[in-house]
Amino acid sequence: MQQGKGRRILLVEDSPVISLDTEDKLKAEGYFVVGPAYDMNAAIDFARNEQIDAALVDLNIRGQKSFDVLQILDERDIPYCIISGYADWTMPKEYEPRPRLQKPFDKDALLETVAMMADA
């Protein structure tokens, strides 16, 4: 198996095209994708209840900021990367130091970020 070694990555992304592409890239490297969560209810459920090694969380899910999901991940001490396609990265100070990926991101940036979180 490749670098992922079956690590479980939560994917919170409301765009099916980006979600499927990201999922394919992660699976090809040996990661197991939890989700993807396309809406806030699913994202919160997965973040709260699933076994997760790391997470990729879109900052804006169907018009809502994903801070509730990030808070759950923090409470569970699960590393995450915030992803967004918008230029506006406005967020509470506690989330500013977190890793970020600007969409569209390339495969190398994605895999490097996930490996840093999940394989640490």
PDB file of N, CA and C in Angstrom:
ATOM      1  N   MET A   1       0.847  -1.193   0.000  1.00  0.00           N
ATOM      2  CA  MET A   1       0.000   0.000   0.000  1.00  0.00           C
ATOM      3  C   MET A   1       0.884   1.244   0.000  1.00  0.00           C
ATOM      4  N   GLN A   2       0.365   2.311  -0.569  1.00  0.00           N
ATOM      5  CA  GLN A   2       1.102   3.564  -0.649  1.00  0.00           C
ATOM      6  C   GLN A   2       1.141   4.279   0.701  1.00  0.00           C
ATOM      7  N   GLN A   3       1.440   5.569   0.657  1.00  0.00           N
ATOM      8  CA  GLN A   3       1.669   6.334   1.878  1.00  0.00           C
ATOM      9  C   GLN A   3       0.470   6.370   2.829  1.00  0.00           C
ATOM     10  N   GLY A   4      -0.756   6.264   2.331  1.00  0.00           N
ATOM     11  CA  GLY A   4      -1.928   6.424   3.177  1.00  0.00           C
ATOM     12  C   GLY A   4      -2.110   5.349   4.231  1.00  0.00           C
ATOM     13  N   LYS A   5      -1.689   4.139   3.930  1.00  0.00           N
ATOM     14  CA  LYS A   5      -1.760   3.025   4.878  1.00  0.00           C
ATOM     15  C   LYS A   5      -3.137   2.882   5.526  1.00  0.00           C
ATOM     16  N   GLY A   6      -4.177   3.162   4.772  1.00  0.00           N
ATOM     17  CA  GLY A   6      -5.527   3.001   5.291  1.00  0.00           C
ATOM     18  C   GLY A   6      -5.975   4.073   6.264  1.00  0.00           C
ATOM     19  N   ARG A   7      -5.191   5.133   6.435  1.00  0.00           N
ATOM     20  CA  ARG A   7      -5.596   6.223   7.329  1.00  0.00           C
ATOM     21  C   ARG A   7      -6.940   6.780   6.857  1.00  0.00           C
ATOM     22  N   ARG A   8      -7.763   7.154   7.818  1.00  0.00           N
ATOM     23  CA  ARG A   8      -9.132   7.595   7.533  1.00  0.00           C
ATOM     24  C   ARG A   8      -9.193   9.114   7.484  1.00  0.00           C
ATOM     25  N   ILE A   9      -9.559   9.638   6.300  1.00  0.00           N
ATOM     26  CA  ILE A   9      -9.600  11.079   6.061  1.00  0.00           C
ATOM     27  C   ILE A   9     -11.044  11.509   5.844  1.00  0.00           C
ATOM     28  N   LEU A  10     -11.533  12.390   6.715  1.00  0.00           N
ATOM     29  CA  LEU A  10     -12.861  12.962   6.524  1.00  0.00           C
ATOM     30  C   LEU A  10     -12.768  14.027   5.440  1.00  0.00           C
ATOM     31  N   LEU A  11     -13.664  13.942   4.463  1.00  0.00           N
ATOM     32  CA  LEU A  11     -13.727  14.937   3.398  1.00  0.00           C
ATOM     33  C   LEU A  11     -15.067  15.656   3.477  1.00  0.00           C
ATOM     34  N   VAL A  12     -15.006  16.961   3.750  1.00  0.00           N
ATOM     35  CA  VAL A  12     -16.198  17.810   3.803  1.00  0.00           C
ATOM     36  C   VAL A  12     -16.087  18.774   2.635  1.00  0.00           C
ATOM     37  N   GLU A  13     -16.904  18.546   1.616  1.00  0.00           N
ATOM     38  CA  GLU A  13     -16.818  19.323   0.369  1.00  0.00           C
ATOM     39  C   GLU A  13     -18.172  19.267  -0.311  1.00  0.00           C
ATOM     40  N   ASP A  14     -18.777  20.447  -0.578  1.00  0.00           N
ATOM     41  CA  ASP A  14     -20.116  20.477  -1.162  1.00  0.00           C
ATOM     42  C   ASP A  14     -20.140  20.438  -2.688  1.00  0.00           C
ATOM     43  N   SER A  15     -18.994  20.536  -3.327  1.00  0.00           N
ATOM     44  CA  SER A  15     -18.943  20.427  -4.787  1.00  0.00           C
ATOM     45  C   SER A  15     -18.683  18.973  -5.178  1.00  0.00           C
ATOM     46  N   PRO A  16     -19.647  18.313  -5.833  1.00  0.00           N
ATOM     47  CA  PRO A  16     -19.439  16.918  -6.211  1.00  0.00           C
ATOM     48  C   PRO A  16     -18.213  16.708  -7.103  1.00  0.00           C
ATOM     49  N   VAL A  17     -17.940  17.637  -8.000  1.00  0.00           N
ATOM     50  CA  VAL A  17     -16.791  17.482  -8.900  1.00  0.00           C
ATOM     51  C   VAL A  17     -15.478  17.493  -8.114  1.00  0.00           C
ATOM     52  N   ILE A  18     -15.329  18.476  -7.236  1.00  0.00           N
ATOM     53  CA  ILE A  18     -14.102  18.569  -6.433  1.00  0.00           C
ATOM     54  C   ILE A  18     -14.029  17.406  -5.460  1.00  0.00           C
ATOM     55  N   SER A  19     -15.158  17.059  -4.878  1.00  0.00           N
ATOM     56  CA  SER A  19     -15.208  15.965  -3.922  1.00  0.00           C
ATOM     57  C   SER A  19     -14.758  14.651  -4.551  1.00  0.00           C
ATOM     58  N   LEU A  20     -15.310  14.319  -5.709  1.00  0.00           N
ATOM     59  CA  LEU A  20     -14.957  13.061  -6.379  1.00  0.00           C
ATOM     60  C   LEU A  20     -13.493  13.042  -6.803  1.00  0.00           C
ATOM     61  N   ASP A  21     -13.004  14.167  -7.312  1.00  0.00           N
ATOM     62  CA  ASP A  21     -11.610  14.256  -7.720  1.00  0.00           C
ATOM     63  C   ASP A  21     -10.681  14.079  -6.515  1.00  0.00           C
ATOM     64  N   THR A  22     -11.003  14.759  -5.421  1.00  0.00           N
ATOM     65  CA  THR A  22     -10.188  14.663  -4.210  1.00  0.00           C
ATOM     66  C   THR A  22     -10.228  13.246  -3.652  1.00  0.00           C
ATOM     67  N   GLU A  23     -11.403  12.665  -3.625  1.00  0.00           N
ATOM     68  CA  GLU A  23     -11.566  11.289  -3.130  1.00  0.00           C
ATOM     69  C   GLU A  23     -10.724  10.311  -3.965  1.00  0.00           C
ATOM     70  N   ASP A  24     -10.766  10.455  -5.279  1.00  0.00           N
ATOM     71  CA  ASP A  24      -9.973   9.578  -6.158  1.00  0.00           C
ATOM     72  C   ASP A  24      -8.485   9.700  -5.872  1.00  0.00           C
ATOM     73  N   LYS A  25      -8.009  10.937  -5.698  1.00  0.00           N
ATOM     74  CA  LYS A  25      -6.583  11.164  -5.433  1.00  0.00           C
ATOM     75  C   LYS A  25      -6.167  10.542  -4.100  1.00  0.00           C
ATOM     76  N   LEU A  26      -7.008  10.675  -3.089  1.00  0.00           N
ATOM     77  CA  LEU A  26      -6.689  10.118  -1.776  1.00  0.00           C
ATOM     78  C   LEU A  26      -6.706   8.585  -1.808  1.00  0.00           C
ATOM     79  N   LYS A  27      -7.730   8.017  -2.424  1.00  0.00           N
ATOM     80  CA  LYS A  27      -7.836   6.559  -2.501  1.00  0.00           C
ATOM     81  C   LYS A  27      -6.658   5.957  -3.264  1.00  0.00           C
ATOM     82  N   ALA A  28      -6.217   6.641  -4.316  1.00  0.00           N
ATOM     83  CA  ALA A  28      -5.088   6.143  -5.112  1.00  0.00           C
ATOM     84  C   ALA A  28      -3.805   6.068  -4.287  1.00  0.00           C
ATOM     85  N   GLU A  29      -3.736   6.836  -3.213  1.00  0.00           N
ATOM     86  CA  GLU A  29      -2.560   6.837  -2.342  1.00  0.00           C
ATOM     87  C   GLU A  29      -2.753   5.983  -1.095  1.00  0.00           C
ATOM     88  N   GLY A  30      -3.842   5.236  -1.041  1.00  0.00           N
ATOM     89  CA  GLY A  30      -4.045   4.309   0.057  1.00  0.00           C
ATOM     90  C   GLY A  30      -4.811   4.850   1.244  1.00  0.00           C
ATOM     91  N   TYR A  31      -5.409   6.033   1.114  1.00  0.00           N
ATOM     92  CA  TYR A  31      -6.232   6.580   2.198  1.00  0.00           C
ATOM     93  C   TYR A  31      -7.655   6.049   2.069  1.00  0.00           C
ATOM     94  N   PHE A  32      -8.350   5.955   3.201  1.00  0.00           N
ATOM     95  CA  PHE A  32      -9.768   5.625   3.226  1.00  0.00           C
ATOM     96  C   PHE A  32     -10.519   6.936   3.440  1.00  0.00           C
ATOM     97  N   VAL A  33     -11.448   7.254   2.548  1.00  0.00           N
ATOM     98  CA  VAL A  33     -12.173   8.517   2.640  1.00  0.00           C
ATOM     99  C   VAL A  33     -13.473   8.312   3.409  1.00  0.00           C
ATOM    100  N   VAL A  34     -13.632   9.061   4.497  1.00  0.00           N
ATOM    101  CA  VAL A  34     -14.870   9.090   5.264  1.00  0.00           C
ATOM    102  C   VAL A  34     -15.735  10.171   4.636  1.00  0.00           C
ATOM    103  N   GLY A  35     -16.924   9.792   4.226  1.00  0.00           N
ATOM    104  CA  GLY A  35     -17.789  10.713   3.504  1.00  0.00           C
ATOM    105  C   GLY A  35     -17.707  10.406   2.023  1.00  0.00           C
ATOM    106  N   PRO A  36     -17.678  11.405   1.235  1.00  0.00           N
ATOM    107  CA  PRO A  36     -17.623  12.825   1.559  1.00  0.00           C
ATOM    108  C   PRO A  36     -18.945  13.354   2.102  1.00  0.00           C
ATOM    109  N   ALA A  37     -18.826  14.373   2.924  1.00  0.00           N
ATOM    110  CA  ALA A  37     -19.988  15.068   3.472  1.00  0.00           C
ATOM    111  C   ALA A  37     -20.277  16.260   2.568  1.00  0.00           C
ATOM    112  N   TYR A  38     -21.482  16.288   2.010  1.00  0.00           N
ATOM    113  CA  TYR A  38     -21.876  17.353   1.088  1.00  0.00           C
ATOM    114  C   TYR A  38     -22.660  18.469   1.770  1.00  0.00           C
ATOM    115  N   ASP A  39     -23.090  18.246   3.017  1.00  0.00           N
ATOM    116  CA  ASP A  39     -23.841  19.278   3.726  1.00  0.00           C
ATOM    117  C   ASP A  39     -23.416  19.303   5.193  1.00  0.00           C
ATOM    118  N   MET A  40     -23.862  20.316   5.898  1.00  0.00           N
ATOM    119  CA  MET A  40     -23.419  20.540   7.275  1.00  0.00           C
ATOM    120  C   MET A  40     -23.864  19.427   8.214  1.00  0.00           C
ATOM    121  N   ASN A  41     -25.090  18.924   8.067  1.00  0.00           N
ATOM    122  CA  ASN A  41     -25.560  17.859   8.957  1.00  0.00           C
ATOM    123  C   ASN A  41     -24.691  16.616   8.842  1.00  0.00           C
ATOM    124  N   ALA A  42     -24.385  16.208   7.624  1.00  0.00           N
ATOM    125  CA  ALA A  42     -23.530  15.034   7.420  1.00  0.00           C
ATOM    126  C   ALA A  42     -22.128  15.302   7.954  1.00  0.00           C
ATOM    127  N   ALA A  43     -21.611  16.500   7.723  1.00  0.00           N
ATOM    128  CA  ALA A  43     -20.264  16.843   8.177  1.00  0.00           C
ATOM    129  C   ALA A  43     -20.166  16.769   9.700  1.00  0.00           C
ATOM    130  N   ILE A  44     -21.157  17.317  10.384  1.00  0.00           N
ATOM    131  CA  ILE A  44     -21.163  17.286  11.849  1.00  0.00           C
ATOM    132  C   ILE A  44     -21.290  15.849  12.343  1.00  0.00           C
ATOM    133  N   ASP A  45     -22.156  15.068  11.720  1.00  0.00           N
ATOM    134  CA  ASP A  45     -22.327  13.668  12.113  1.00  0.00           C
ATOM    135  C   ASP A  45     -21.023  12.889  11.951  1.00  0.00           C
ATOM    136  N   PHE A  46     -20.383  13.011  10.797  1.00  0.00           N
ATOM    137  CA  PHE A  46     -19.114  12.312  10.568  1.00  0.00           C
ATOM    138  C   PHE A  46     -18.041  12.779  11.551  1.00  0.00           C
ATOM    139  N   ALA A  47     -17.937  14.103  11.733  1.00  0.00           N
ATOM    140  CA  ALA A  47     -16.904  14.655  12.622  1.00  0.00           C
ATOM    141  C   ALA A  47     -17.095  14.175  14.053  1.00  0.00           C
ATOM    142  N   ARG A  48     -18.318  14.026  14.459  1.00  0.00           N
ATOM    143  CA  ARG A  48     -18.633  13.636  15.836  1.00  0.00           C
ATOM    144  C   ARG A  48     -18.510  12.133  16.056  1.00  0.00           C
ATOM    145  N   ASN A  49     -18.869  11.323  15.054  1.00  0.00           N
ATOM    146  CA  ASN A  49     -19.072   9.894  15.292  1.00  0.00           C
ATOM    147  C   ASN A  49     -18.126   8.931  14.580  1.00  0.00           C
ATOM    148  N   GLU A  50     -17.432   9.374  13.570  1.00  0.00           N
ATOM    149  CA  GLU A  50     -16.584   8.457  12.800  1.00  0.00           C
ATOM    150  C   GLU A  50     -15.167   8.403  13.353  1.00  0.00           C
ATOM    151  N   GLN A  51     -14.519   7.269  13.117  1.00  0.00           N
ATOM    152  CA  GLN A  51     -13.087   7.167  13.392  1.00  0.00           C
ATOM    153  C   GLN A  51     -12.377   7.914  12.266  1.00  0.00           C
ATOM    154  N   ILE A  52     -11.595   8.944  12.634  1.00  0.00           N
ATOM    155  CA  ILE A  52     -10.941   9.810  11.654  1.00  0.00           C
ATOM    156  C   ILE A  52      -9.507  10.068  12.101  1.00  0.00           C
ATOM    157  N   ASP A  53      -8.579  10.014  11.140  1.00  0.00           N
ATOM    158  CA  ASP A  53      -7.185  10.342  11.428  1.00  0.00           C
ATOM    159  C   ASP A  53      -6.860  11.799  11.094  1.00  0.00           C
ATOM    160  N   ALA A  54      -7.580  12.366  10.134  1.00  0.00           N
ATOM    161  CA  ALA A  54      -7.388  13.757   9.711  1.00  0.00           C
ATOM    162  C   ALA A  54      -8.603  14.156   8.882  1.00  0.00           C
ATOM    163  N   ALA A  55      -8.709  15.456   8.587  1.00  0.00           N
ATOM    164  CA  ALA A  55      -9.871  15.930   7.828  1.00  0.00           C
ATOM    165  C   ALA A  55      -9.503  17.064   6.887  1.00  0.00           C
ATOM    166  N   LEU A  56     -10.210  17.106   5.774  1.00  0.00           N
ATOM    167  CA  LEU A  56     -10.182  18.216   4.827  1.00  0.00           C
ATOM    168  C   LEU A  56     -11.568  18.834   4.878  1.00  0.00           C
ATOM    169  N   VAL A  57     -11.656  20.103   5.281  1.00  0.00           N
ATOM    170  CA  VAL A  57     -12.955  20.720   5.522  1.00  0.00           C
ATOM    171  C   VAL A  57     -13.085  22.004   4.715  1.00  0.00           C
ATOM    172  N   ASP A  58     -14.061  22.024   3.822  1.00  0.00           N
ATOM    173  CA  ASP A  58     -14.368  23.230   3.061  1.00  0.00           C
ATOM    174  C   ASP A  58     -14.876  24.295   4.032  1.00  0.00           C
ATOM    175  N   LEU A  59     -14.359  25.505   3.911  1.00  0.00           N
ATOM    176  CA  LEU A  59     -14.733  26.595   4.809  1.00  0.00           C
ATOM    177  C   LEU A  59     -16.202  26.980   4.655  1.00  0.00           C
ATOM    178  N   ASN A  60     -16.726  26.880   3.438  1.00  0.00           N
ATOM    179  CA  ASN A  60     -18.119  27.250   3.156  1.00  0.00           C
ATOM    180  C   ASN A  60     -18.863  26.038   2.608  1.00  0.00           C
ATOM    181  N   ILE A  61     -19.841  25.577   3.368  1.00  0.00           N
ATOM    182  CA  ILE A  61     -20.660  24.445   2.937  1.00  0.00           C
ATOM    183  C   ILE A  61     -22.078  24.937   2.703  1.00  0.00           C
ATOM    184  N   ARG A  62     -22.463  24.993   1.448  1.00  0.00           N
ATOM    185  CA  ARG A  62     -23.807  25.423   1.067  1.00  0.00           C
ATOM    186  C   ARG A  62     -24.229  26.704   1.765  1.00  0.00           C
ATOM    187  N   GLY A  63     -23.323  27.686   1.770  1.00  0.00           N
ATOM    188  CA  GLY A  63     -23.627  28.995   2.326  1.00  0.00           C
ATOM    189  C   GLY A  63     -23.390  29.136   3.825  1.00  0.00           C
ATOM    190  N   GLN A  64     -22.962  28.066   4.476  1.00  0.00           N
ATOM    191  CA  GLN A  64     -22.682  28.118   5.914  1.00  0.00           C
ATOM    192  C   GLN A  64     -21.184  27.940   6.154  1.00  0.00           C
ATOM    193  N   LYS A  65     -20.650  28.671   7.116  1.00  0.00           N
ATOM    194  CA  LYS A  65     -19.263  28.456   7.529  1.00  0.00           C
ATOM    195  C   LYS A  65     -19.193  27.148   8.310  1.00  0.00           C
ATOM    196  N   SER A  66     -18.102  26.438   8.180  1.00  0.00           N
ATOM    197  CA  SER A  66     -17.973  25.099   8.776  1.00  0.00           C
ATOM    198  C   SER A  66     -17.341  25.115  10.167  1.00  0.00           C
ATOM    199  N   PHE A  67     -17.487  26.200  10.902  1.00  0.00           N
ATOM    200  CA  PHE A  67     -16.843  26.320  12.211  1.00  0.00           C
ATOM    201  C   PHE A  67     -17.327  25.269  13.213  1.00  0.00           C
ATOM    202  N   ASP A  68     -18.592  24.850  13.140  1.00  0.00           N
ATOM    203  CA  ASP A  68     -19.080  23.803  14.053  1.00  0.00           C
ATOM    204  C   ASP A  68     -18.320  22.497  13.845  1.00  0.00           C
ATOM    205  N   VAL A  69     -18.027  22.182  12.601  1.00  0.00           N
ATOM    206  CA  VAL A  69     -17.259  20.967  12.294  1.00  0.00           C
ATOM    207  C   VAL A  69     -15.842  21.105  12.836  1.00  0.00           C
ATOM    208  N   LEU A  70     -15.228  22.267  12.608  1.00  0.00           N
ATOM    209  CA  LEU A  70     -13.861  22.490  13.080  1.00  0.00           C
ATOM    210  C   LEU A  70     -13.777  22.391  14.601  1.00  0.00           C
ATOM    211  N   GLN A  71     -14.789  22.897  15.286  1.00  0.00           N
ATOM    212  CA  GLN A  71     -14.814  22.833  16.743  1.00  0.00           C
ATOM    213  C   GLN A  71     -14.863  21.376  17.225  1.00  0.00           C
ATOM    214  N   ILE A  72     -15.675  20.559  16.588  1.00  0.00           N
ATOM    215  CA  ILE A  72     -15.758  19.136  16.956  1.00  0.00           C
ATOM    216  C   ILE A  72     -14.411  18.458  16.730  1.00  0.00           C
ATOM    217  N   LEU A  73     -13.786  18.740  15.592  1.00  0.00           N
ATOM    218  CA  LEU A  73     -12.478  18.142  15.304  1.00  0.00           C
ATOM    219  C   LEU A  73     -11.443  18.574  16.336  1.00  0.00           C
ATOM    220  N   ASP A  74     -11.483  19.848  16.732  1.00  0.00           N
ATOM    221  CA  ASP A  74     -10.581  20.332  17.786  1.00  0.00           C
ATOM    222  C   ASP A  74     -10.818  19.585  19.098  1.00  0.00           C
ATOM    223  N   GLU A  75     -12.085  19.431  19.461  1.00  0.00           N
ATOM    224  CA  GLU A  75     -12.424  18.733  20.702  1.00  0.00           C
ATOM    225  C   GLU A  75     -11.924  17.291  20.695  1.00  0.00           C
ATOM    226  N   ARG A  76     -11.915  16.685  19.512  1.00  0.00           N
ATOM    227  CA  ARG A  76     -11.457  15.294  19.379  1.00  0.00           C
ATOM    228  C   ARG A  76      -9.954  15.203  19.081  1.00  0.00           C
ATOM    229  N   ASP A  77      -9.294  16.360  19.003  1.00  0.00           N
ATOM    230  CA  ASP A  77      -7.864  16.422  18.723  1.00  0.00           C
ATOM    231  C   ASP A  77      -7.506  15.756  17.390  1.00  0.00           C
ATOM    232  N   ILE A  78      -8.339  16.031  16.390  1.00  0.00           N
ATOM    233  CA  ILE A  78      -8.122  15.499  15.037  1.00  0.00           C
ATOM    234  C   ILE A  78      -7.570  16.617  14.170  1.00  0.00           C
ATOM    235  N   PRO A  79      -6.408  16.404  13.546  1.00  0.00           N
ATOM    236  CA  PRO A  79      -5.853  17.449  12.683  1.00  0.00           C
ATOM    237  C   PRO A  79      -6.712  17.655  11.436  1.00  0.00           C
ATOM    238  N   TYR A  80      -6.749  18.899  10.959  1.00  0.00           N
ATOM    239  CA  TYR A  80      -7.533  19.189   9.764  1.00  0.00           C
ATOM    240  C   TYR A  80      -6.895  20.314   8.966  1.00  0.00           C
ATOM    241  N   CYS A  81      -7.283  20.343   7.694  1.00  0.00           N
ATOM    242  CA  CYS A  81      -6.888  21.402   6.778  1.00  0.00           C
ATOM    243  C   CYS A  81      -8.170  22.059   6.288  1.00  0.00           C
ATOM    244  N   ILE A  82      -8.171  23.383   6.266  1.00  0.00           N
ATOM    245  CA  ILE A  82      -9.319  24.132   5.774  1.00  0.00           C
ATOM    246  C   ILE A  82      -9.105  24.380   4.282  1.00  0.00           C
ATOM    247  N   ILE A  83     -10.130  24.092   3.489  1.00  0.00           N
ATOM    248  CA  ILE A  83     -10.035  24.320   2.048  1.00  0.00           C
ATOM    249  C   ILE A  83     -11.104  25.332   1.630  1.00  0.00           C
ATOM    250  N   SER A  84     -10.783  26.108   0.605  1.00  0.00           N
ATOM    251  CA  SER A  84     -11.747  27.089   0.117  1.00  0.00           C
ATOM    252  C   SER A  84     -11.404  27.511  -1.305  1.00  0.00           C
ATOM    253  N   GLY A  85     -12.430  27.835  -2.041  1.00  0.00           N
ATOM    254  CA  GLY A  85     -12.253  28.375  -3.375  1.00  0.00           C
ATOM    255  C   GLY A  85     -12.465  29.879  -3.409  1.00  0.00           C
ATOM    256  N   TYR A  86     -12.813  30.453  -2.260  1.00  0.00           N
ATOM    257  CA  TYR A  86     -13.070  31.883  -2.178  1.00  0.00           C
ATOM    258  C   TYR A  86     -11.827  32.625  -1.724  1.00  0.00           C
ATOM    259  N   ALA A  87     -11.737  33.873  -2.101  1.00  0.00           N
ATOM    260  CA  ALA A  87     -10.611  34.704  -1.669  1.00  0.00           C
ATOM    261  C   ALA A  87     -10.774  35.121  -0.206  1.00  0.00           C
ATOM    262  N   ASP A  88     -12.006  35.102   0.289  1.00  0.00           N
ATOM    263  CA  ASP A  88     -12.289  35.524   1.667  1.00  0.00           C
ATOM    264  C   ASP A  88     -12.016  34.384   2.640  1.00  0.00           C
ATOM    265  N   TRP A  89     -10.939  34.515   3.390  1.00  0.00           N
ATOM    266  CA  TRP A  89     -10.565  33.511   4.395  1.00  0.00           C
ATOM    267  C   TRP A  89     -10.923  34.006   5.797  1.00  0.00           C
ATOM    268  N   THR A  90     -11.909  34.875   5.919  1.00  0.00           N
ATOM    269  CA  THR A  90     -12.280  35.433   7.214  1.00  0.00           C
ATOM    270  C   THR A  90     -12.765  34.311   8.132  1.00  0.00           C
ATOM    271  N   MET A  91     -12.139  34.244   9.314  1.00  0.00           N
ATOM    272  CA  MET A  91     -12.512  33.221  10.276  1.00  0.00           C
ATOM    273  C   MET A  91     -12.033  33.633  11.659  1.00  0.00           C
ATOM    274  N   PRO A  92     -12.575  33.002  12.707  1.00  0.00           N
ATOM    275  CA  PRO A  92     -12.099  33.303  14.057  1.00  0.00           C
ATOM    276  C   PRO A  92     -10.601  33.031  14.186  1.00  0.00           C
ATOM    277  N   LYS A  93      -9.962  33.788  15.046  1.00  0.00           N
ATOM    278  CA  LYS A  93      -8.502  33.720  15.216  1.00  0.00           C
ATOM    279  C   LYS A  93      -7.992  32.316  15.488  1.00  0.00           C
ATOM    280  N   GLU A  94      -8.739  31.505  16.250  1.00  0.00           N
ATOM    281  CA  GLU A  94      -8.228  30.176  16.610  1.00  0.00           C
ATOM    282  C   GLU A  94      -8.029  29.259  15.407  1.00  0.00           C
ATOM    283  N   TYR A  95      -8.690  29.561  14.288  1.00  0.00           N
ATOM    284  CA  TYR A  95      -8.552  28.719  13.100  1.00  0.00           C
ATOM    285  C   TYR A  95      -7.503  29.242  12.109  1.00  0.00           C
ATOM    286  N   GLU A  96      -7.069  30.481  12.282  1.00  0.00           N
ATOM    287  CA  GLU A  96      -6.132  31.082  11.332  1.00  0.00           C
ATOM    288  C   GLU A  96      -4.816  30.324  11.165  1.00  0.00           C
ATOM    289  N   PRO A  97      -4.232  29.739  12.229  1.00  0.00           N
ATOM    290  CA  PRO A  97      -2.952  29.041  12.032  1.00  0.00           C
ATOM    291  C   PRO A  97      -3.073  27.672  11.357  1.00  0.00           C
ATOM    292  N   ARG A  98      -4.277  27.171  11.172  1.00  0.00           N
ATOM    293  CA  ARG A  98      -4.467  25.840  10.587  1.00  0.00           C
ATOM    294  C   ARG A  98      -3.993  25.797   9.139  1.00  0.00           C
ATOM    295  N   PRO A  99      -3.567  24.599   8.697  1.00  0.00           N
ATOM    296  CA  PRO A  99      -3.187  24.472   7.277  1.00  0.00           C
ATOM    297  C   PRO A  99      -4.377  24.804   6.384  1.00  0.00           C
ATOM    298  N   ARG A 100      -4.062  25.377   5.219  1.00  0.00           N
ATOM    299  CA  ARG A 100      -5.106  25.757   4.263  1.00  0.00           C
ATOM    300  C   ARG A 100      -4.702  25.325   2.860  1.00  0.00           C
ATOM    301  N   LEU A 101      -5.695  25.002   2.080  1.00  0.00           N
ATOM    302  CA  LEU A 101      -5.501  24.748   0.656  1.00  0.00           C
ATOM    303  C   LEU A 101      -6.504  25.591  -0.107  1.00  0.00           C
ATOM    304  N   GLN A 102      -6.015  26.329  -1.081  1.00  0.00           N
ATOM    305  CA  GLN A 102      -6.862  27.141  -1.952  1.00  0.00           C
ATOM    306  C   GLN A 102      -7.302  26.283  -3.137  1.00  0.00           C
ATOM    307  N   LYS A 103      -8.612  26.199  -3.372  1.00  0.00           N
ATOM    308  CA  LYS A 103      -9.114  25.446  -4.525  1.00  0.00           C
ATOM    309  C   LYS A 103      -8.979  26.298  -5.780  1.00  0.00           C
ATOM    310  N   PRO A 104      -8.685  25.724  -6.906  1.00  0.00           N
ATOM    311  CA  PRO A 104      -8.361  24.312  -7.084  1.00  0.00           C
ATOM    312  C   PRO A 104      -6.924  24.021  -6.639  1.00  0.00           C
ATOM    313  N   PHE A 105      -6.746  22.944  -5.890  1.00  0.00           N
ATOM    314  CA  PHE A 105      -5.410  22.575  -5.444  1.00  0.00           C
ATOM    315  C   PHE A 105      -4.901  21.419  -6.290  1.00  0.00           C
ATOM    316  N   ASP A 106      -3.579  21.316  -6.425  1.00  0.00           N
ATOM    317  CA  ASP A 106      -3.037  20.226  -7.231  1.00  0.00           C
ATOM    318  C   ASP A 106      -2.802  18.996  -6.354  1.00  0.00           C
ATOM    319  N   LYS A 107      -2.592  17.895  -7.017  1.00  0.00           N
ATOM    320  CA  LYS A 107      -2.450  16.607  -6.332  1.00  0.00           C
ATOM    321  C   LYS A 107      -1.301  16.625  -5.334  1.00  0.00           C
ATOM    322  N   ASP A 108      -0.161  17.196  -5.714  1.00  0.00           N
ATOM    323  CA  ASP A 108       1.001  17.196  -4.819  1.00  0.00           C
ATOM    324  C   ASP A 108       0.724  17.983  -3.541  1.00  0.00           C
ATOM    325  N   ALA A 109       0.102  19.149  -3.669  1.00  0.00           N
ATOM    326  CA  ALA A 109      -0.215  19.957  -2.485  1.00  0.00           C
ATOM    327  C   ALA A 109      -1.207  19.220  -1.583  1.00  0.00           C
ATOM    328  N   LEU A 110      -2.195  18.598  -2.185  1.00  0.00           N
ATOM    329  CA  LEU A 110      -3.180  17.834  -1.431  1.00  0.00           C
ATOM    330  C   LEU A 110      -2.515  16.707  -0.649  1.00  0.00           C
ATOM    331  N   LEU A 111      -1.747  15.880  -1.347  1.00  0.00           N
ATOM    332  CA  LEU A 111      -1.150  14.709  -0.706  1.00  0.00           C
ATOM    333  C   LEU A 111      -0.103  15.089   0.332  1.00  0.00           C
ATOM    334  N   GLU A 112       0.637  16.144   0.068  1.00  0.00           N
ATOM    335  CA  GLU A 112       1.629  16.607   1.043  1.00  0.00           C
ATOM    336  C   GLU A 112       0.935  17.072   2.325  1.00  0.00           C
ATOM    337  N   THR A 113      -0.139  17.802   2.190  1.00  0.00           N
ATOM    338  CA  THR A 113      -0.878  18.304   3.339  1.00  0.00           C
ATOM    339  C   THR A 113      -1.506  17.163   4.134  1.00  0.00           C
ATOM    340  N   VAL A 114      -2.138  16.230   3.448  1.00  0.00           N
ATOM    341  CA  VAL A 114      -2.784  15.105   4.125  1.00  0.00           C
ATOM    342  C   VAL A 114      -1.730  14.236   4.820  1.00  0.00           C
ATOM    343  N   ALA A 115      -0.611  13.981   4.163  1.00  0.00           N
ATOM    344  CA  ALA A 115       0.441  13.174   4.776  1.00  0.00           C
ATOM    345  C   ALA A 115       0.976  13.846   6.033  1.00  0.00           C
ATOM    346  N   MET A 116       1.144  15.171   5.988  1.00  0.00           N
ATOM    347  CA  MET A 116       1.633  15.916   7.151  1.00  0.00           C
ATOM    348  C   MET A 116       0.699  15.730   8.343  1.00  0.00           C
ATOM    349  N   MET A 117      -0.613  15.704   8.085  1.00  0.00           N
ATOM    350  CA  MET A 117      -1.585  15.575   9.171  1.00  0.00           C
ATOM    351  C   MET A 117      -1.754  14.121   9.616  1.00  0.00           C
ATOM    352  N   ALA A 118      -1.978  13.244   8.667  1.00  0.00           N
ATOM    353  CA  ALA A 118      -2.372  11.868   8.985  1.00  0.00           C
ATOM    354  C   ALA A 118      -1.202  10.958   9.341  1.00  0.00           C
ATOM    355  N   ASP A 119      -0.050  11.243   8.796  1.00  0.00           N
ATOM    356  CA  ASP A 119       1.072  10.330   8.991  1.00  0.00           C
ATOM    357  C   ASP A 119       2.073  10.853  10.020  1.00  0.00           C
ATOM    358  N   ALA A 120       1.704  11.925  10.706  1.00  0.00           N
ATOM    359  CA  ALA A 120       2.615  12.520  11.687  1.00  0.00           C
ATOM    360  C   ALA A 120       2.769  11.638  12.910  1.00  0.00           C
TER     361      ALA A 120
END
